[in-house]
C-alpha atoms as a PDB file:
ATOM      1  CA  UNK A   1       3.956  -0.062  -0.654  1.00  0.00           C
ATOM      2  CA  UNK A   2       6.936  -2.390  -0.785  1.00  0.00           C
ATOM      3  CA  UNK A   3       9.294   0.417  -1.735  1.00  0.00           C
ATOM      4  CA  UNK A   4       7.946   2.668   0.994  1.00  0.00           C
ATOM      5  CA  UNK A   5       8.290  -0.033   3.679  1.00  0.00           C
ATOM      6  CA  UNK A   6      11.805  -0.845   2.474  1.00  0.00           C
ATOM      7  CA  UNK A   7      12.755   2.822   2.630  1.00  0.00           C
ATOM      8  CA  UNK A   8      11.351   3.134   6.172  1.00  0.00           C
ATOM      9  CA  UNK A   9      13.402   0.139   7.308  1.00  0.00           C
ATOM     10  CA  UNK A  10      16.635   1.753   6.084  1.00  0.00           C
ATOM     11  CA  UNK A  11      17.913  -1.766   5.389  1.00  0.00           C
ATOM     12  CA  UNK A  12      19.829  -2.469   2.227  1.00  0.00           C
ATOM     13  CA  UNK A  13      20.196  -6.211   2.750  1.00  0.00           C
ATOM     14  CA  UNK A  14      16.927  -7.532   4.201  1.00  0.00           C
ATOM     15  CA  UNK A  15      13.776  -7.340   2.014  1.00  0.00           C
ATOM     16  CA  UNK A  16      11.446  -5.722   4.571  1.00  0.00           C
ATOM     17  CA  UNK A  17       9.281  -4.236   1.797  1.00  0.00           C
ATOM     18  CA  UNK A  18       8.210  -7.596   0.406  1.00  0.00           C
ATOM     19  CA  UNK A  19       7.704  -8.935   3.913  1.00  0.00           C
ATOM     20  CA  UNK A  20       5.424  -5.999   4.807  1.00  0.00           C
ATOM     21  CA  UNK A  21       3.300  -6.414   1.682  1.00  0.00           C
ATOM     22  CA  UNK A  22       2.962 -10.170   2.171  1.00  0.00           C
ATOM     23  CA  UNK A  23       2.063  -9.876   5.868  1.00  0.00           C
ATOM     24  CA  UNK A  24      -0.596  -7.243   5.145  1.00  0.00           C
ATOM     25  CA  UNK A  25      -1.947  -9.416   2.320  1.00  0.00           C
ATOM     26  CA  UNK A  26      -2.095 -12.445   4.641  1.00  0.00           C
ATOM     27  CA  UNK A  27      -4.043 -10.483   7.245  1.00  0.00           C
ATOM     28  CA  UNK A  28      -6.510  -9.316   4.604  1.00  0.00           C
ATOM     29  CA  UNK A  29      -6.873 -12.838   3.211  1.00  0.00           C
ATOM     30  CA  UNK A  30      -7.694 -14.164   6.666  1.00  0.00           C
ATOM     31  CA  UNK A  31     -10.188 -11.358   7.273  1.00  0.00           C
ATOM     32  CA  UNK A  32     -11.982 -11.843   3.949  1.00  0.00           C
ATOM     33  CA  UNK A  33     -11.928 -15.649   4.185  1.00  0.00           C
ATOM     34  CA  UNK A  34     -13.615 -15.498   7.588  1.00  0.00           C
ATOM     35  CA  UNK A  35     -16.264 -13.152   6.208  1.00  0.00           C
ATOM     36  CA  UNK A  36     -16.884 -15.414   3.225  1.00  0.00           C
ATOM     37  CA  UNK A  37     -16.482 -18.899   4.670  1.00  0.00           C
ATOM     38  CA  UNK A  38     -17.906 -18.588   8.155  1.00  0.00           C
ATOM     39  CA  UNK A  39     -20.125 -15.514   8.049  1.00  0.00           C
ATOM     40  CA  UNK A  40     -21.514 -15.579   4.509  1.00  0.00           C
ATOM     41  CA  UNK A  41     -21.009 -11.813   4.260  1.00  0.00           C
ATOM     42  CA  UNK A  42     -19.501 -12.030   0.770  1.00  0.00           C
ATOM     43  CA  UNK A  43     -20.303 -14.417  -2.067  1.00  0.00           C
ATOM     44  CA  UNK A  44     -17.989 -17.097  -3.410  1.00  0.00           C
ATOM     45  CA  UNK A  45     -17.458 -15.094  -6.591  1.00  0.00           C
ATOM     46  CA  UNK A  46     -16.560 -11.950  -4.669  1.00  0.00           C
ATOM     47  CA  UNK A  47     -14.290 -14.001  -2.405  1.00  0.00           C
ATOM     48  CA  UNK A  48     -12.413 -15.386  -5.405  1.00  0.00           C
ATOM     49  CA  UNK A  49     -12.126 -11.948  -7.012  1.00  0.00           C
ATOM     50  CA  UNK A  50     -10.807 -10.299  -3.852  1.00  0.00           C
ATOM     51  CA  UNK A  51      -8.575 -13.074  -2.500  1.00  0.00           C
ATOM     52  CA  UNK A  52      -7.243 -14.686  -5.663  1.00  0.00           C
ATOM     53  CA  UNK A  53      -7.435 -11.708  -7.991  1.00  0.00           C
ATOM     54  CA  UNK A  54      -6.732  -8.570  -5.984  1.00  0.00           C
ATOM     55  CA  UNK A  55      -4.721  -9.923  -3.035  1.00  0.00           C
ATOM     56  CA  UNK A  56      -3.035 -12.559  -5.191  1.00  0.00           C
ATOM     57  CA  UNK A  57      -1.699  -9.732  -7.327  1.00  0.00           C
ATOM     58  CA  UNK A  58      -0.851  -7.566  -4.311  1.00  0.00           C
ATOM     59  CA  UNK A  59       1.233 -10.172  -2.488  1.00  0.00           C
ATOM     60  CA  UNK A  60       4.206 -11.671  -4.212  1.00  0.00           C
ATOM     61  CA  UNK A  61       5.561 -15.130  -3.529  1.00  0.00           C
ATOM     62  CA  UNK A  62       7.886 -14.869  -6.526  1.00  0.00           C
ATOM     63  CA  UNK A  63       9.613 -11.776  -5.107  1.00  0.00           C
ATOM     64  CA  UNK A  64       9.999 -13.567  -1.758  1.00  0.00           C
ATOM     65  CA  UNK A  65      11.599 -16.547  -3.511  1.00  0.00           C
ATOM     66  CA  UNK A  66      13.906 -14.397  -5.617  1.00  0.00           C
ATOM     67  CA  UNK A  67      15.007 -12.245  -2.685  1.00  0.00           C
ATOM     68  CA  UNK A  68      15.699 -15.331  -0.578  1.00  0.00           C
ATOM     69  CA  UNK A  69      17.774 -16.857  -3.382  1.00  0.00           C
ATOM     70  CA  UNK A  70      19.677 -13.567  -3.793  1.00  0.00           C
ATOM     71  CA  UNK A  71      20.498 -13.565  -0.071  1.00  0.00           C
ATOM     72  CA  UNK A  72      21.756 -17.155  -0.356  1.00  0.00           C
ATOM     73  CA  UNK A  73      23.779 -16.323  -3.446  1.00  0.00           C
ATOM     74  CA  UNK A  74      25.364 -13.401  -1.588  1.00  0.00           C
ATOM     75  CA  UNK A  75      26.351 -15.683   1.287  1.00  0.00           C
ATOM     76  CA  UNK A  76      23.766 -14.224   3.673  1.00  0.00           C
ATOM     77  CA  UNK A  77      22.553 -17.552   5.070  1.00  0.00           C
ATOM     78  CA  UNK A  78      21.150 -16.079   8.308  1.00  0.00           C
ATOM     79  CA  UNK A  79      19.263 -13.328   6.492  1.00  0.00           C
ATOM     80  CA  UNK A  80      17.866 -15.875   4.014  1.00  0.00           C
ATOM     81  CA  UNK A  81      16.722 -18.122   6.889  1.00  0.00           C
ATOM     82  CA  UNK A  82      15.264 -15.086   8.653  1.00  0.00           C
ATOM     83  CA  UNK A  83      13.354 -14.188   5.499  1.00  0.00           C
ATOM     84  CA  UNK A  84      11.925 -17.702   5.171  1.00  0.00           C
ATOM     85  CA  UNK A  85      10.990 -17.940   8.843  1.00  0.00           C
ATOM     86  CA  UNK A  86       9.643 -14.397   8.918  1.00  0.00           C
ATOM     87  CA  UNK A  87       7.380 -14.892   5.926  1.00  0.00           C
ATOM     88  CA  UNK A  88       6.133 -18.255   7.192  1.00  0.00           C
ATOM     89  CA  UNK A  89       5.570 -17.463  10.857  1.00  0.00           C
ATOM     90  CA  UNK A  90       4.410 -13.864  10.438  1.00  0.00           C
ATOM     91  CA  UNK A  91       2.303 -14.759   7.387  1.00  0.00           C
ATOM     92  CA  UNK A  92       0.437 -17.513   9.215  1.00  0.00           C
ATOM     93  CA  UNK A  93       0.072 -15.287  12.250  1.00  0.00           C
ATOM     94  CA  UNK A  94      -1.341 -12.510  10.071  1.00  0.00           C
ATOM     95  CA  UNK A  95      -3.911 -14.846   8.495  1.00  0.00           C
ATOM     96  CA  UNK A  96      -4.956 -15.943  12.001  1.00  0.00           C
ATOM     97  CA  UNK A  97      -5.170 -12.288  13.082  1.00  0.00           C
ATOM     98  CA  UNK A  98      -7.349 -11.510  10.066  1.00  0.00           C
ATOM     99  CA  UNK A  99      -9.670 -14.429  10.833  1.00  0.00           C
ATOM    100  CA  UNK A 100      -9.855 -13.438  14.488  1.00  0.00           C
ATOM    101  CA  UNK A 101     -10.551  -9.790  13.735  1.00  0.00           C
ATOM    102  CA  UNK A 102     -13.367 -10.613  11.338  1.00  0.00           C
ATOM    103  CA  UNK A 103     -14.791 -13.112  13.828  1.00  0.00           C
ATOM    104  CA  UNK A 104     -14.814 -10.544  16.620  1.00  0.00           C
ATOM    105  CA  UNK A 105     -16.317  -7.817  14.434  1.00  0.00           C
ATOM    106  CA  UNK A 106     -19.142 -10.017  13.115  1.00  0.00           C
ATOM    107  CA  UNK A 107     -19.775 -12.086  16.235  1.00  0.00           C
END
Protein backbone atom coordinates (compact mmCIF):
# COMPACT_ATOMS: atom_id res chain seq x y z
CA UNK A 1 0.00 0.00 0.00
CA UNK A 2 2.85 2.36 0.79
CA UNK A 3 4.31 2.02 -2.69
CA UNK A 4 0.93 2.56 -4.32
CA UNK A 5 0.21 5.70 -2.25
CA UNK A 6 3.69 7.03 -2.98
CA UNK A 7 3.20 6.44 -6.69
CA UNK A 8 -0.19 8.22 -6.62
CA UNK A 9 1.38 11.25 -4.93
CA UNK A 10 3.98 11.59 -7.70
CA UNK A 11 6.34 12.98 -5.06
CA UNK A 12 9.95 11.90 -5.03
CA UNK A 13 10.95 13.77 -1.88
CA UNK A 14 8.09 13.48 0.63
CA UNK A 15 7.25 9.99 2.00
CA UNK A 16 3.49 10.07 1.39
CA UNK A 17 3.34 6.25 1.21
CA UNK A 18 4.47 5.74 4.80
CA UNK A 19 2.22 8.56 5.96
CA UNK A 20 -0.81 6.96 4.26
CA UNK A 21 -0.14 3.55 5.80
CA UNK A 22 0.39 5.00 9.27
CA UNK A 23 -2.74 7.18 9.13
CA UNK A 24 -4.89 4.25 7.99
CA UNK A 25 -3.37 2.10 10.74
CA UNK A 26 -4.11 4.79 13.35
CA UNK A 27 -7.74 5.00 12.25
CA UNK A 28 -8.09 1.23 12.49
CA UNK A 29 -6.42 1.16 15.90
CA UNK A 30 -8.86 3.76 17.19
CA UNK A 31 -11.81 1.87 15.73
CA UNK A 32 -10.77 -1.49 17.20
CA UNK A 33 -9.78 0.01 20.57
CA UNK A 34 -13.23 1.58 20.92
CA UNK A 35 -14.86 -1.74 20.08
CA UNK A 36 -12.70 -3.58 22.61
CA UNK A 37 -12.35 -1.08 25.44
CA UNK A 38 -15.71 0.65 25.52
CA UNK A 39 -18.09 -1.72 23.76
CA UNK A 40 -16.74 -5.15 24.69
CA UNK A 41 -17.31 -6.33 21.11
CA UNK A 42 -13.92 -8.04 20.91
CA UNK A 43 -11.94 -9.83 23.61
CA UNK A 44 -8.67 -8.63 25.09
CA UNK A 45 -6.80 -11.42 23.31
CA UNK A 46 -8.33 -10.53 19.95
CA UNK A 47 -7.62 -6.85 20.62
CA UNK A 48 -3.95 -7.59 21.26
CA UNK A 49 -3.70 -9.81 18.18
CA UNK A 50 -5.31 -7.24 15.89
CA UNK A 51 -3.82 -4.02 17.29
CA UNK A 52 -0.36 -5.12 18.39
CA UNK A 53 0.16 -7.99 15.98
CA UNK A 54 -1.56 -7.14 12.71
CA UNK A 55 -1.68 -3.33 12.82
CA UNK A 56 1.67 -3.12 14.60
CA UNK A 57 3.18 -4.94 11.64
CA UNK A 58 1.18 -2.92 9.10
CA UNK A 59 2.21 0.51 10.39
CA UNK A 60 5.85 1.39 10.55
CA UNK A 61 7.36 3.83 13.00
CA UNK A 62 10.87 2.79 11.97
CA UNK A 63 10.26 3.78 8.34
CA UNK A 64 8.86 7.13 9.52
CA UNK A 65 11.99 7.72 11.62
CA UNK A 66 14.36 6.70 8.84
CA UNK A 67 12.60 8.80 6.21
CA UNK A 68 12.60 11.82 8.51
CA UNK A 69 16.33 11.39 9.17
CA UNK A 70 16.98 11.03 5.42
CA UNK A 71 15.13 14.30 4.78
CA UNK A 72 17.23 16.01 7.47
CA UNK A 73 20.43 14.53 6.06
CA UNK A 74 19.48 15.84 2.61
CA UNK A 75 18.96 19.33 4.01
CA UNK A 76 15.17 19.19 3.66
CA UNK A 77 14.37 20.69 7.06
CA UNK A 78 10.85 21.85 6.12
CA UNK A 79 9.92 18.48 4.62
CA UNK A 80 11.29 16.69 7.70
CA UNK A 81 9.26 18.98 10.00
CA UNK A 82 6.21 18.47 7.79
CA UNK A 83 6.67 14.71 8.06
CA UNK A 84 6.90 14.85 11.86
CA UNK A 85 3.92 17.18 12.21
CA UNK A 86 1.90 15.28 9.62
CA UNK A 87 2.40 11.91 11.28
CA UNK A 88 1.68 13.31 14.74
CA UNK A 89 -1.33 15.49 14.01
CA UNK A 90 -2.92 13.30 11.33
CA UNK A 91 -2.15 10.12 13.28
CA UNK A 92 -3.85 11.39 16.43
CA UNK A 93 -6.73 12.72 14.37
CA UNK A 94 -7.10 9.34 12.67
CA UNK A 95 -7.20 7.50 16.00
CA UNK A 96 -9.90 9.93 17.18
CA UNK A 97 -11.81 9.39 13.92
CA UNK A 98 -11.60 5.62 14.41
CA UNK A 99 -12.88 5.89 17.98
CA UNK A 100 -15.68 8.21 16.90
CA UNK A 101 -16.73 6.01 14.00
CA UNK A 102 -16.91 2.90 16.15
CA UNK A 103 -18.81 4.82 18.83
CA UNK A 104 -21.39 6.05 16.33
CA UNK A 105 -21.80 2.63 14.71
CA UNK A 106 -22.29 0.79 18.02
CA UNK A 107 -24.17 3.50 19.92
